[in-house]
Amino acid sequence: MKIPEVKRPPKEILAKVQSLEGKKGMIAAIEPETGEWFLGKDVLEALENGRKKYVNGIFYFVRVGYQSAHAQKGGIKQV
């Protein structure tokens, strides 16, 4: 099964989402074709909110007020 490519939303949409007042730290699931976004306290909640409207939608995730949705801290333990 081929995994579909997730399109990056336009810069204007990303800028609007990143500047949402009082929403810093929330996750936004952005539907790239329409530019609509759906907020949640985590990726799962944002996805669930987006899937209410776009049942089979593929979303682009960002954390409001931050450069990325996730951060990886620590290293990888090699065995």
C-alpha atoms as a PDB file:
ATOM      1  CA  MET A   1       0.000   0.000   0.000  1.00  0.00           C
ATOM      2  CA  LYS A   2       1.406   3.375  -1.038  1.00  0.00           C
ATOM      3  CA  ILE A   3       1.435   6.074   1.620  1.00  0.00           C
ATOM      4  CA  PRO A   4       0.026   9.325   0.194  1.00  0.00           C
ATOM      5  CA  GLU A   5       2.213  12.421   0.236  1.00  0.00           C
ATOM      6  CA  VAL A   6       1.068  15.185   2.573  1.00  0.00           C
ATOM      7  CA  LYS A   7       1.016  18.575   0.877  1.00  0.00           C
ATOM      8  CA  ARG A   8       2.363  21.546   2.769  1.00  0.00           C
ATOM      9  CA  PRO A   9      -0.285  24.257   3.214  1.00  0.00           C
ATOM     10  CA  PRO A  10       0.376  27.712   1.730  1.00  0.00           C
ATOM     11  CA  LYS A  11       2.605  30.012   3.798  1.00  0.00           C
ATOM     12  CA  GLU A  12      -0.325  32.362   4.391  1.00  0.00           C
ATOM     13  CA  ILE A  13      -2.346  29.619   6.103  1.00  0.00           C
ATOM     14  CA  LEU A  14       0.615  28.520   8.214  1.00  0.00           C
ATOM     15  CA  ALA A  15       1.190  32.132   9.297  1.00  0.00           C
ATOM     16  CA  LYS A  16      -2.482  32.520  10.307  1.00  0.00           C
ATOM     17  CA  VAL A  17      -2.408  29.315  12.348  1.00  0.00           C
ATOM     18  CA  GLN A  18       0.895  30.231  14.015  1.00  0.00           C
ATOM     19  CA  SER A  19      -0.481  33.603  15.105  1.00  0.00           C
ATOM     20  CA  LEU A  20      -3.716  32.369  16.735  1.00  0.00           C
ATOM     21  CA  GLU A  21      -4.187  34.357  19.960  1.00  0.00           C
ATOM     22  CA  GLY A  22      -4.486  32.301  23.121  1.00  0.00           C
ATOM     23  CA  LYS A  23      -3.882  28.985  21.332  1.00  0.00           C
ATOM     24  CA  LYS A  24      -0.088  28.645  21.733  1.00  0.00           C
ATOM     25  CA  GLY A  25       0.918  25.027  22.266  1.00  0.00           C
ATOM     26  CA  MET A  26      -2.208  23.516  20.718  1.00  0.00           C
ATOM     27  CA  ILE A  27      -1.944  21.236  17.686  1.00  0.00           C
ATOM     28  CA  ALA A  28      -3.562  22.284  14.418  1.00  0.00           C
ATOM     29  CA  ALA A  29      -4.550  19.692  11.811  1.00  0.00           C
ATOM     30  CA  ILE A  30      -4.579  21.597   8.523  1.00  0.00           C
ATOM     31  CA  GLU A  31      -6.438  20.288   5.475  1.00  0.00           C
ATOM     32  CA  PRO A  32      -4.018  21.523   2.775  1.00  0.00           C
ATOM     33  CA  GLU A  33      -6.485  21.717  -0.129  1.00  0.00           C
ATOM     34  CA  THR A  34      -8.963  24.009   1.659  1.00  0.00           C
ATOM     35  CA  GLY A  35      -6.707  25.623   4.262  1.00  0.00           C
ATOM     36  CA  GLU A  36      -9.158  24.783   7.061  1.00  0.00           C
ATOM     37  CA  TRP A  37      -7.646  23.901  10.399  1.00  0.00           C
ATOM     38  CA  PHE A  38      -8.883  21.987  13.404  1.00  0.00           C
ATOM     39  CA  LEU A  39      -7.402  22.437  16.862  1.00  0.00           C
ATOM     40  CA  GLY A  40      -6.757  19.926  19.609  1.00  0.00           C
ATOM     41  CA  LYS A  41      -4.666  19.542  22.737  1.00  0.00           C
ATOM     42  CA  ASP A  42      -2.714  16.792  20.924  1.00  0.00           C
ATOM     43  CA  VAL A  43      -2.414  15.266  17.442  1.00  0.00           C
ATOM     44  CA  LEU A  44      -5.133  12.694  18.071  1.00  0.00           C
ATOM     45  CA  GLU A  45      -7.696  15.268  19.208  1.00  0.00           C
ATOM     46  CA  ALA A  46      -6.889  17.611  16.283  1.00  0.00           C
ATOM     47  CA  LEU A  47      -7.186  14.672  13.864  1.00  0.00           C
ATOM     48  CA  GLU A  48     -10.510  13.585  15.363  1.00  0.00           C
ATOM     49  CA  ASN A  49     -11.839  17.142  14.994  1.00  0.00           C
ATOM     50  CA  GLY A  50     -10.698  17.293  11.366  1.00  0.00           C
ATOM     51  CA  ARG A  51     -12.137  13.887  10.525  1.00  0.00           C
ATOM     52  CA  LYS A  52     -15.591  15.059  11.597  1.00  0.00           C
ATOM     53  CA  LYS A  53     -15.659  17.132   8.403  1.00  0.00           C
ATOM     54  CA  TYR A  54     -13.085  15.380   6.182  1.00  0.00           C
ATOM     55  CA  VAL A  55     -13.623  11.695   6.955  1.00  0.00           C
ATOM     56  CA  ASN A  56     -10.779  10.476   4.736  1.00  0.00           C
ATOM     57  CA  GLY A  57      -8.736  13.684   4.891  1.00  0.00           C
ATOM     58  CA  ILE A  58      -4.975  13.794   5.019  1.00  0.00           C
ATOM     59  CA  PHE A  59      -3.794  16.536   7.358  1.00  0.00           C
ATOM     60  CA  TYR A  60      -0.644  18.557   7.921  1.00  0.00           C
ATOM     61  CA  PHE A  61       0.091  19.090  11.634  1.00  0.00           C
ATOM     62  CA  VAL A  62       1.725  22.060  13.347  1.00  0.00           C
ATOM     63  CA  ARG A  63       1.998  23.192  16.938  1.00  0.00           C
ATOM     64  CA  VAL A  64       0.620  26.717  17.277  1.00  0.00           C
ATOM     65  CA  GLY A  65       3.422  29.162  18.109  1.00  0.00           C
ATOM     66  CA  TYR A  66       6.253  26.669  17.472  1.00  0.00           C
ATOM     67  CA  GLN A  67       8.325  25.603  14.463  1.00  0.00           C
ATOM     68  CA  SER A  68       7.306  21.951  14.632  1.00  0.00           C
ATOM     69  CA  ALA A  69       4.589  19.735  16.029  1.00  0.00           C
ATOM     70  CA  HIS A  70       6.988  17.359  17.802  1.00  0.00           C
ATOM     71  CA  ALA A  71      10.433  17.428  19.329  1.00  0.00           C
ATOM     72  CA  GLN A  72      12.653  14.429  19.927  1.00  0.00           C
ATOM     73  CA  LYS A  73      14.829  14.704  23.002  1.00  0.00           C
ATOM     74  CA  GLY A  74      17.575  12.314  23.913  1.00  0.00           C
ATOM     75  CA  GLY A  75      19.400   9.878  21.731  1.00  0.00           C
ATOM     76  CA  ILE A  76      18.795   6.534  20.153  1.00  0.00           C
ATOM     77  CA  LYS A  77      20.112   3.607  22.093  1.00  0.00           C
ATOM     78  CA  GLN A  78      22.075   1.279  19.879  1.00  0.00           C
ATOM     79  CA  VAL A  79      22.146  -2.354  20.859  1.00  0.00           C
END
